[in-house]
Amino acid sequence: MLRITLHPHVSRRIKVTGAVTVAAGLLVAGGFAGPAFAAPAASISAAPSAIQAGETTDITGTGFGASSPYTVTLDPAGSAVVLDLANVTGADGSLTDIVTIPGSVSVGAHVLQVTSTGGAATSNIYVNSTGPVGTAASPSISVTDYSTAGKGQTVVLHGFFPGETVEGFESTDGSGGPTDATTVADSTGTATFTYVSTDAGLGTHYLGGIGDSSTVSVHAQFEVVADPIAPVAPVATPVAANASFTG
């Protein structure tokens, strides 16, 4: 058992007998201070993170100083364009903001940075030359062709991060349903894939993809139509007539 008695204005050595263990805290006069926890690091995210120049993106952040002014900067290590400096964080150190990427920004990878009391945080974005848009190879396709291996519907989807994995989806109402189609966006952020339906019905269909990193969702719309009816060969009708011979 450890007993310590402190008297004001008295300095003396304290003899301790037995083992004393102090873990995750500080031993102070009057008691145990408790564990010391590091403040969470500041972090931000941008959505969408793949956009065109001139468009807006939503920024969310946590871990900054409470009720503190902050600055949003595009490419702080390069041209350093300030996008916002007129807002403050919340009482909990969080923030939400909408910023516009200047129309003069070049196509390619860029960095968004938020600086405030408590530190700075960055998030990567990609500026595409073409916005999120999808095109179907065939505006209409027969139900048989859409369901036959080696045929199917091909779509070209723009607006992803270059090199990111794109997961396909297919639906009849635009809400999206998973498919087994997966591809990788090329150097321009374009993804192309062909899908063969296992349950094709007539009517409007949506075939698209979602970027694993950018979370950008793009689809193309097309119609699934009934198979054409093959023409029926006419039946020969015998005609009665007198036979004639020559020679």
C-alpha atoms as a PDB file:
ATOM      1  CA  MET A   1       0.000   0.000   0.000  1.00  0.00           C
ATOM      2  CA  LEU A   2       1.270   3.469  -0.949  1.00  0.00           C
ATOM      3  CA  ARG A   3       0.526   6.420   1.313  1.00  0.00           C
ATOM      4  CA  ILE A   4       1.719   9.927   0.459  1.00  0.00           C
ATOM      5  CA  THR A   5       1.067  12.933   2.687  1.00  0.00           C
ATOM      6  CA  LEU A   6       1.849  16.388   1.332  1.00  0.00           C
ATOM      7  CA  HIS A   7       2.338  19.401   3.623  1.00  0.00           C
ATOM      8  CA  PRO A   8       2.596  22.941   2.275  1.00  0.00           C
ATOM      9  CA  HIS A   9       5.989  24.581   2.376  1.00  0.00           C
ATOM     10  CA  VAL A  10       7.648  21.353   3.510  1.00  0.00           C
ATOM     11  CA  SER A  11      10.217  19.631   1.380  1.00  0.00           C
ATOM     12  CA  ARG A  12      11.259  16.140   2.307  1.00  0.00           C
ATOM     13  CA  ARG A  13      12.023  12.816   0.760  1.00  0.00           C
ATOM     14  CA  ILE A  14       9.262  10.271   0.446  1.00  0.00           C
ATOM     15  CA  LYS A  15      10.006   6.646   1.084  1.00  0.00           C
ATOM     16  CA  VAL A  16       7.955   4.291  -1.064  1.00  0.00           C
ATOM     17  CA  THR A  17       7.613   0.646  -0.209  1.00  0.00           C
ATOM     18  CA  GLY A  18       6.048  -1.841  -2.565  1.00  0.00           C
ATOM     19  CA  ALA A  19       5.501  -1.696  -6.301  1.00  0.00           C
ATOM     20  CA  VAL A  20       4.034   1.351  -7.967  1.00  0.00           C
ATOM     21  CA  THR A  21       2.641   1.050 -11.498  1.00  0.00           C
ATOM     22  CA  VAL A  22       1.598   4.070 -13.556  1.00  0.00           C
ATOM     23  CA  ALA A  23       0.026   3.270 -16.946  1.00  0.00           C
ATOM     24  CA  ALA A  24      -1.349   5.530 -19.644  1.00  0.00           C
ATOM     25  CA  GLY A  25      -1.435   8.576 -17.352  1.00  0.00           C
ATOM     26  CA  LEU A  26       0.381  10.796 -14.902  1.00  0.00           C
ATOM     27  CA  LEU A  27       0.740  10.574 -11.154  1.00  0.00           C
ATOM     28  CA  VAL A  28       0.130  14.057  -9.745  1.00  0.00           C
ATOM     29  CA  ALA A  29      -0.443  15.576  -6.356  1.00  0.00           C
ATOM     30  CA  GLY A  30      -3.993  14.871  -5.368  1.00  0.00           C
ATOM     31  CA  GLY A  31      -4.626  11.885  -7.609  1.00  0.00           C
ATOM     32  CA  PHE A  32      -4.292  10.299 -11.022  1.00  0.00           C
ATOM     33  CA  ALA A  33      -4.504  12.566 -14.073  1.00  0.00           C
ATOM     34  CA  GLY A  34      -5.909   9.848 -16.343  1.00  0.00           C
ATOM     35  CA  PRO A  35      -4.856   8.837 -19.881  1.00  0.00           C
ATOM     36  CA  ALA A  36      -3.760  11.470 -22.365  1.00  0.00           C
ATOM     37  CA  PHE A  37      -5.335  11.140 -25.831  1.00  0.00           C
ATOM     38  CA  ALA A  38      -4.034  12.782 -29.002  1.00  0.00           C
ATOM     39  CA  ALA A  39      -6.495  14.994 -30.865  1.00  0.00           C
ATOM     40  CA  PRO A  40      -7.737  13.416 -34.135  1.00  0.00           C
ATOM     41  CA  ALA A  41      -5.869  14.564 -37.219  1.00  0.00           C
ATOM     42  CA  ALA A  42      -7.696  16.902 -39.571  1.00  0.00           C
ATOM     43  CA  SER A  43      -9.072  15.259 -42.715  1.00  0.00           C
ATOM     44  CA  ILE A  44     -11.235  16.253 -45.695  1.00  0.00           C
ATOM     45  CA  SER A  45     -12.967  14.577 -48.626  1.00  0.00           C
ATOM     46  CA  ALA A  46     -14.404  15.951 -51.863  1.00  0.00           C
ATOM     47  CA  ALA A  47     -17.462  14.613 -53.710  1.00  0.00           C
ATOM     48  CA  PRO A  48     -17.599  14.299 -56.591  1.00  0.00           C
ATOM     49  CA  SER A  49     -13.868  13.967 -56.875  1.00  0.00           C
ATOM     50  CA  ALA A  50     -13.871  13.607 -60.674  1.00  0.00           C
ATOM     51  CA  ILE A  51     -15.435  16.653 -62.338  1.00  0.00           C
ATOM     52  CA  GLN A  52     -15.049  19.131 -65.171  1.00  0.00           C
ATOM     53  CA  ALA A  53     -13.494  22.557 -64.846  1.00  0.00           C
ATOM     54  CA  GLY A  54     -16.155  25.110 -63.919  1.00  0.00           C
ATOM     55  CA  GLU A  55     -18.183  22.629 -61.856  1.00  0.00           C
ATOM     56  CA  THR A  56     -18.637  22.451 -58.082  1.00  0.00           C
ATOM     57  CA  THR A  57     -17.588  19.857 -55.542  1.00  0.00           C
ATOM     58  CA  ASP A  58     -18.713  19.369 -51.922  1.00  0.00           C
ATOM     59  CA  ILE A  59     -16.019  19.341 -49.242  1.00  0.00           C
ATOM     60  CA  THR A  60     -16.506  17.801 -45.796  1.00  0.00           C
ATOM     61  CA  GLY A  61     -13.890  17.859 -43.052  1.00  0.00           C
ATOM     62  CA  THR A  62     -13.270  16.978 -39.409  1.00  0.00           C
ATOM     63  CA  GLY A  63     -10.539  17.442 -36.824  1.00  0.00           C
ATOM     64  CA  PHE A  64      -9.981  21.199 -37.186  1.00  0.00           C
ATOM     65  CA  GLY A  65     -10.076  23.848 -34.471  1.00  0.00           C
ATOM     66  CA  ALA A  66     -13.511  24.726 -33.126  1.00  0.00           C
ATOM     67  CA  SER A  67     -15.214  27.741 -34.693  1.00  0.00           C
ATOM     68  CA  SER A  68     -12.077  28.707 -36.610  1.00  0.00           C
ATOM     69  CA  PRO A  69     -11.732  30.495 -39.968  1.00  0.00           C
ATOM     70  CA  TYR A  70     -10.426  28.242 -42.712  1.00  0.00           C
ATOM     71  CA  THR A  71      -9.092  28.586 -46.245  1.00  0.00           C
ATOM     72  CA  VAL A  72      -9.699  26.261 -49.208  1.00  0.00           C
ATOM     73  CA  THR A  73      -6.881  26.266 -51.752  1.00  0.00           C
ATOM     74  CA  LEU A  74      -6.515  24.456 -55.066  1.00  0.00           C
ATOM     75  CA  ASP A  75      -3.017  23.104 -55.799  1.00  0.00           C
ATOM     76  CA  PRO A  76      -1.235  24.694 -52.786  1.00  0.00           C
ATOM     77  CA  ALA A  77       2.152  23.465 -54.022  1.00  0.00           C
ATOM     78  CA  GLY A  78       1.623  24.922 -57.495  1.00  0.00           C
ATOM     79  CA  SER A  79      -0.538  27.796 -58.696  1.00  0.00           C
ATOM     80  CA  ALA A  80      -2.241  27.996 -55.254  1.00  0.00           C
ATOM     81  CA  VAL A  81      -5.680  29.304 -56.223  1.00  0.00           C
ATOM     82  CA  VAL A  82      -7.733  30.304 -53.149  1.00  0.00           C
ATOM     83  CA  LEU A  83     -11.306  29.044 -53.547  1.00  0.00           C
ATOM     84  CA  ASP A  84     -12.788  30.093 -50.193  1.00  0.00           C
ATOM     85  CA  LEU A  85     -11.637  32.055 -47.120  1.00  0.00           C
ATOM     86  CA  ALA A  86     -14.921  33.429 -45.785  1.00  0.00           C
ATOM     87  CA  ASN A  87     -16.213  30.537 -43.652  1.00  0.00           C
ATOM     88  CA  VAL A  88     -15.536  29.047 -40.225  1.00  0.00           C
ATOM     89  CA  THR A  89     -15.583  25.524 -38.839  1.00  0.00           C
ATOM     90  CA  GLY A  90     -18.315  24.284 -36.534  1.00  0.00           C
ATOM     91  CA  ALA A  91     -18.134  24.078 -32.764  1.00  0.00           C
ATOM     92  CA  ASP A  92     -16.905  20.486 -33.126  1.00  0.00           C
ATOM     93  CA  GLY A  93     -14.166  21.381 -35.620  1.00  0.00           C
ATOM     94  CA  SER A  94     -16.052  20.037 -38.633  1.00  0.00           C
ATOM     95  CA  LEU A  95     -16.858  21.809 -41.890  1.00  0.00           C
ATOM     96  CA  THR A  96     -18.963  21.480 -45.019  1.00  0.00           C
ATOM     97  CA  ASP A  97     -18.391  23.666 -48.046  1.00  0.00           C
ATOM     98  CA  ILE A  98     -19.114  23.888 -51.775  1.00  0.00           C
ATOM     99  CA  VAL A  99     -16.365  25.227 -54.019  1.00  0.00           C
ATOM    100  CA  THR A 100     -16.195  25.855 -57.748  1.00  0.00           C
ATOM    101  CA  ILE A 101     -13.229  24.586 -59.716  1.00  0.00           C
ATOM    102  CA  PRO A 102     -12.136  27.427 -62.037  1.00  0.00           C
ATOM    103  CA  GLY A 103     -12.896  26.953 -65.710  1.00  0.00           C
ATOM    104  CA  SER A 104      -9.255  27.592 -66.587  1.00  0.00           C
ATOM    105  CA  VAL A 105      -7.980  24.591 -64.609  1.00  0.00           C
ATOM    106  CA  SER A 106      -6.185  22.041 -66.783  1.00  0.00           C
ATOM    107  CA  VAL A 107      -7.322  18.474 -67.292  1.00  0.00           C
ATOM    108  CA  GLY A 108      -5.603  16.094 -64.886  1.00  0.00           C
ATOM    109  CA  ALA A 109      -4.969  15.444 -61.189  1.00  0.00           C
ATOM    110  CA  HIS A 110      -5.235  18.318 -58.696  1.00  0.00           C
ATOM    111  CA  VAL A 111      -5.133  18.808 -54.919  1.00  0.00           C
ATOM    112  CA  LEU A 112      -7.630  20.569 -52.650  1.00  0.00           C
ATOM    113  CA  GLN A 113      -6.300  21.781 -49.292  1.00  0.00           C
ATOM    114  CA  VAL A 114      -8.092  23.153 -46.243  1.00  0.00           C
ATOM    115  CA  THR A 115      -6.012  25.038 -43.650  1.00  0.00           C
ATOM    116  CA  SER A 116      -7.270  26.222 -40.271  1.00  0.00           C
ATOM    117  CA  THR A 117      -6.445  26.152 -36.581  1.00  0.00           C
ATOM    118  CA  GLY A 118      -5.555  22.575 -35.816  1.00  0.00           C
ATOM    119  CA  GLY A 119      -3.684  21.892 -39.019  1.00  0.00           C
ATOM    120  CA  ALA A 120      -4.234  21.259 -42.691  1.00  0.00           C
ATOM    121  CA  ALA A 121      -5.684  18.431 -44.761  1.00  0.00           C
ATOM    122  CA  THR A 122      -5.763  17.586 -48.459  1.00  0.00           C
ATOM    123  CA  SER A 123      -7.898  15.595 -50.869  1.00  0.00           C
ATOM    124  CA  ASN A 124      -7.196  14.609 -54.470  1.00  0.00           C
ATOM    125  CA  ILE A 125      -9.545  15.448 -57.346  1.00  0.00           C
ATOM    126  CA  TYR A 126      -9.371  14.839 -61.091  1.00  0.00           C
ATOM    127  CA  VAL A 127     -10.537  17.324 -63.720  1.00  0.00           C
ATOM    128  CA  ASN A 128     -11.915  15.577 -66.807  1.00  0.00           C
ATOM    129  CA  SER A 129     -12.250  16.972 -70.306  1.00  0.00           C
ATOM    130  CA  THR A 130     -15.690  15.364 -70.570  1.00  0.00           C
ATOM    131  CA  GLY A 131     -18.326  15.326 -67.881  1.00  0.00           C
ATOM    132  CA  PRO A 132     -20.098  12.221 -66.578  1.00  0.00           C
ATOM    133  CA  VAL A 133     -21.934  11.019 -69.679  1.00  0.00           C
ATOM    134  CA  GLY A 134     -22.681   7.593 -71.118  1.00  0.00           C
ATOM    135  CA  THR A 135     -23.486   6.406 -74.629  1.00  0.00           C
ATOM    136  CA  ALA A 136     -24.899   3.047 -75.724  1.00  0.00           C
ATOM    137  CA  ALA A 137     -23.533   1.489 -78.896  1.00  0.00           C
ATOM    138  CA  SER A 138     -27.105   0.691 -79.967  1.00  0.00           C
ATOM    139  CA  PRO A 139     -29.991   2.986 -78.963  1.00  0.00           C
ATOM    140  CA  SER A 140     -32.210  -0.077 -79.280  1.00  0.00           C
ATOM    141  CA  ILE A 141     -31.391  -3.782 -79.174  1.00  0.00           C
ATOM    142  CA  SER A 142     -33.491  -6.904 -79.532  1.00  0.00           C
ATOM    143  CA  VAL A 143     -34.149  -8.971 -76.433  1.00  0.00           C
ATOM    144  CA  THR A 144     -32.343 -11.928 -78.019  1.00  0.00           C
ATOM    145  CA  ASP A 145     -29.234  -9.957 -78.934  1.00  0.00           C
ATOM    146  CA  TYR A 146     -29.111  -8.436 -75.435  1.00  0.00           C
ATOM    147  CA  SER A 147     -29.234 -11.904 -73.896  1.00  0.00           C
ATOM    148  CA  THR A 148     -26.926 -13.820 -76.258  1.00  0.00           C
ATOM    149  CA  ALA A 149     -23.324 -14.564 -75.362  1.00  0.00           C
ATOM    150  CA  GLY A 150     -20.957 -12.868 -77.766  1.00  0.00           C
ATOM    151  CA  LYS A 151     -23.439 -10.056 -78.414  1.00  0.00           C
ATOM    152  CA  GLY A 152     -24.980  -7.960 -75.634  1.00  0.00           C
ATOM    153  CA  GLN A 153     -24.968  -4.170 -75.267  1.00  0.00           C
ATOM    154  CA  THR A 154     -21.787  -2.049 -75.236  1.00  0.00           C
ATOM    155  CA  VAL A 155     -21.624   1.291 -73.395  1.00  0.00           C
ATOM    156  CA  VAL A 156     -18.962   4.017 -73.319  1.00  0.00           C
ATOM    157  CA  LEU A 157     -18.865   5.950 -70.024  1.00  0.00           C
ATOM    158  CA  HIS A 158     -16.904   9.172 -69.378  1.00  0.00           C
ATOM    159  CA  GLY A 159     -15.951  11.058 -66.212  1.00  0.00           C
ATOM    160  CA  PHE A 160     -13.953   8.638 -64.031  1.00  0.00           C
ATOM    161  CA  PHE A 161     -10.475   8.757 -62.531  1.00  0.00           C
ATOM    162  CA  PRO A 162      -7.928   7.460 -65.044  1.00  0.00           C
ATOM    163  CA  GLY A 163      -6.939   3.930 -64.077  1.00  0.00           C
ATOM    164  CA  GLU A 164      -9.666   3.359 -61.509  1.00  0.00           C
ATOM    165  CA  THR A 165     -11.829   0.228 -61.404  1.00  0.00           C
ATOM    166  CA  VAL A 166     -15.399   0.750 -62.618  1.00  0.00           C
ATOM    167  CA  GLU A 167     -18.133  -1.606 -61.377  1.00  0.00           C
ATOM    168  CA  GLY A 168     -21.008  -2.103 -63.810  1.00  0.00           C
ATOM    169  CA  PHE A 169     -24.710  -1.836 -63.000  1.00  0.00           C
ATOM    170  CA  GLU A 170     -27.934  -2.442 -64.942  1.00  0.00           C
ATOM    171  CA  SER A 171     -31.537  -1.536 -64.214  1.00  0.00           C
ATOM    172  CA  THR A 172     -34.872  -0.600 -65.744  1.00  0.00           C
ATOM    173  CA  ASP A 173     -35.523   2.456 -63.532  1.00  0.00           C
ATOM    174  CA  GLY A 174     -32.110   4.150 -63.324  1.00  0.00           C
ATOM    175  CA  SER A 175     -31.540   3.088 -59.708  1.00  0.00           C
ATOM    176  CA  GLY A 176     -28.809   0.623 -60.624  1.00  0.00           C
ATOM    177  CA  GLY A 177     -28.298  -3.039 -59.825  1.00  0.00           C
ATOM    178  CA  PRO A 178     -24.951  -4.861 -59.678  1.00  0.00           C
ATOM    179  CA  THR A 179     -23.664  -6.821 -62.647  1.00  0.00           C
ATOM    180  CA  ASP A 180     -20.610  -9.000 -63.117  1.00  0.00           C
ATOM    181  CA  ALA A 181     -19.165  -6.444 -65.553  1.00  0.00           C
ATOM    182  CA  THR A 182     -15.983  -4.749 -64.307  1.00  0.00           C
ATOM    183  CA  THR A 183     -13.492  -2.665 -66.241  1.00  0.00           C
ATOM    184  CA  VAL A 184     -10.730  -0.080 -65.744  1.00  0.00           C
ATOM    185  CA  ALA A 185     -11.000   3.534 -66.939  1.00  0.00           C
ATOM    186  CA  ASP A 186      -8.392   4.556 -69.495  1.00  0.00           C
ATOM    187  CA  SER A 187      -6.033   7.546 -69.353  1.00  0.00           C
ATOM    188  CA  THR A 188      -8.887   9.925 -70.232  1.00  0.00           C
ATOM    189  CA  GLY A 189     -11.237   8.612 -67.532  1.00  0.00           C
ATOM    190  CA  THR A 190     -13.328   6.647 -70.046  1.00  0.00           C
ATOM    191  CA  ALA A 191     -14.658   3.154 -69.319  1.00  0.00           C
ATOM    192  CA  THR A 192     -16.058   0.785 -71.948  1.00  0.00           C
ATOM    193  CA  PHE A 193     -17.682  -2.571 -71.365  1.00  0.00           C
ATOM    194  CA  THR A 194     -20.155  -4.995 -72.924  1.00  0.00           C
ATOM    195  CA  TYR A 195     -22.903  -6.606 -70.870  1.00  0.00           C
ATOM    196  CA  VAL A 196     -25.024  -9.665 -71.675  1.00  0.00           C
ATOM    197  CA  SER A 197     -28.250  -9.656 -69.675  1.00  0.00           C
ATOM    198  CA  THR A 198     -29.493 -12.769 -67.900  1.00  0.00           C
ATOM    199  CA  ASP A 199     -33.016 -11.428 -67.440  1.00  0.00           C
ATOM    200  CA  ALA A 200     -33.770  -8.964 -70.208  1.00  0.00           C
ATOM    201  CA  GLY A 201     -37.266  -7.549 -70.429  1.00  0.00           C
ATOM    202  CA  LEU A 202     -38.747  -5.222 -73.017  1.00  0.00           C
ATOM    203  CA  GLY A 203     -38.609  -1.475 -72.432  1.00  0.00           C
ATOM    204  CA  THR A 204     -36.125   1.135 -71.226  1.00  0.00           C
ATOM    205  CA  HIS A 205     -32.870  -0.093 -69.681  1.00  0.00           C
ATOM    206  CA  TYR A 206     -29.960   1.699 -68.002  1.00  0.00           C
ATOM    207  CA  LEU A 207     -26.446   0.290 -68.174  1.00  0.00           C
ATOM    208  CA  GLY A 208     -23.630   2.101 -66.399  1.00  0.00           C
ATOM    209  CA  GLY A 209     -20.792   2.019 -63.928  1.00  0.00           C
ATOM    210  CA  ILE A 210     -19.564   3.431 -60.588  1.00  0.00           C
ATOM    211  CA  GLY A 211     -15.928   4.368 -60.007  1.00  0.00           C
ATOM    212  CA  ASP A 212     -14.401   2.625 -56.983  1.00  0.00           C
ATOM    213  CA  SER A 213     -12.218   5.624 -56.094  1.00  0.00           C
ATOM    214  CA  SER A 214     -14.118   8.630 -57.453  1.00  0.00           C
ATOM    215  CA  THR A 215     -17.614   7.220 -56.650  1.00  0.00           C
ATOM    216  CA  VAL A 216     -18.737   8.847 -59.911  1.00  0.00           C
ATOM    217  CA  SER A 217     -21.826   7.124 -61.338  1.00  0.00           C
ATOM    218  CA  VAL A 218     -22.509   7.257 -65.097  1.00  0.00           C
ATOM    219  CA  HIS A 219     -25.060   5.374 -67.199  1.00  0.00           C
ATOM    220  CA  ALA A 220     -26.382   5.088 -70.739  1.00  0.00           C
ATOM    221  CA  GLN A 221     -30.052   4.628 -71.644  1.00  0.00           C
ATOM    222  CA  PHE A 222     -31.387   2.370 -74.409  1.00  0.00           C
ATOM    223  CA  GLU A 223     -34.437   0.348 -75.402  1.00  0.00           C
ATOM    224  CA  VAL A 224     -34.820  -3.426 -75.435  1.00  0.00           C
ATOM    225  CA  VAL A 225     -37.284  -4.356 -78.185  1.00  0.00           C
ATOM    226  CA  ALA A 226     -39.008  -7.520 -79.331  1.00  0.00           C
ATOM    227  CA  ASP A 227     -37.266  -9.751 -81.819  1.00  0.00           C
ATOM    228  CA  PRO A 228     -38.208  -9.026 -85.410  1.00  0.00           C
ATOM    229  CA  ILE A 229     -40.698 -11.440 -86.914  1.00  0.00           C
ATOM    230  CA  ALA A 230     -39.214 -13.439 -89.770  1.00  0.00           C
ATOM    231  CA  PRO A 231     -41.173 -13.052 -93.034  1.00  0.00           C
ATOM    232  CA  VAL A 232     -43.269 -16.047 -94.009  1.00  0.00           C
ATOM    233  CA  ALA A 233     -42.621 -17.427 -97.482  1.00  0.00           C
ATOM    234  CA  PRO A 234     -45.745 -17.332 -99.677  1.00  0.00           C
ATOM    235  CA  VAL A 235     -47.425 -20.663-100.383  1.00  0.00           C
ATOM    236  CA  ALA A 236     -47.619 -21.573-104.091  1.00  0.00           C
ATOM    237  CA  THR A 237     -51.169 -21.858-105.371  1.00  0.00           C
ATOM    238  CA  PRO A 238     -51.782 -24.286-108.255  1.00  0.00           C
ATOM    239  CA  VAL A 239     -53.582 -22.806-111.236  1.00  0.00           C
ATOM    240  CA  ALA A 240     -55.672 -24.997-113.608  1.00  0.00           C
ATOM    241  CA  ALA A 241     -54.843 -24.442-117.303  1.00  0.00           C
ATOM    242  CA  ASN A 242     -54.537 -26.352-120.537  1.00  0.00           C
ATOM    243  CA  ALA A 243     -51.108 -27.784-121.142  1.00  0.00           C
ATOM    244  CA  SER A 244     -49.323 -26.824-124.326  1.00  0.00           C
ATOM    245  CA  PHE A 245     -46.382 -28.493-125.979  1.00  0.00           C
ATOM    246  CA  THR A 246     -43.982 -27.384-128.668  1.00  0.00           C
ATOM    247  CA  GLY A 247     -41.559 -29.277-130.823  1.00  0.00           C
END
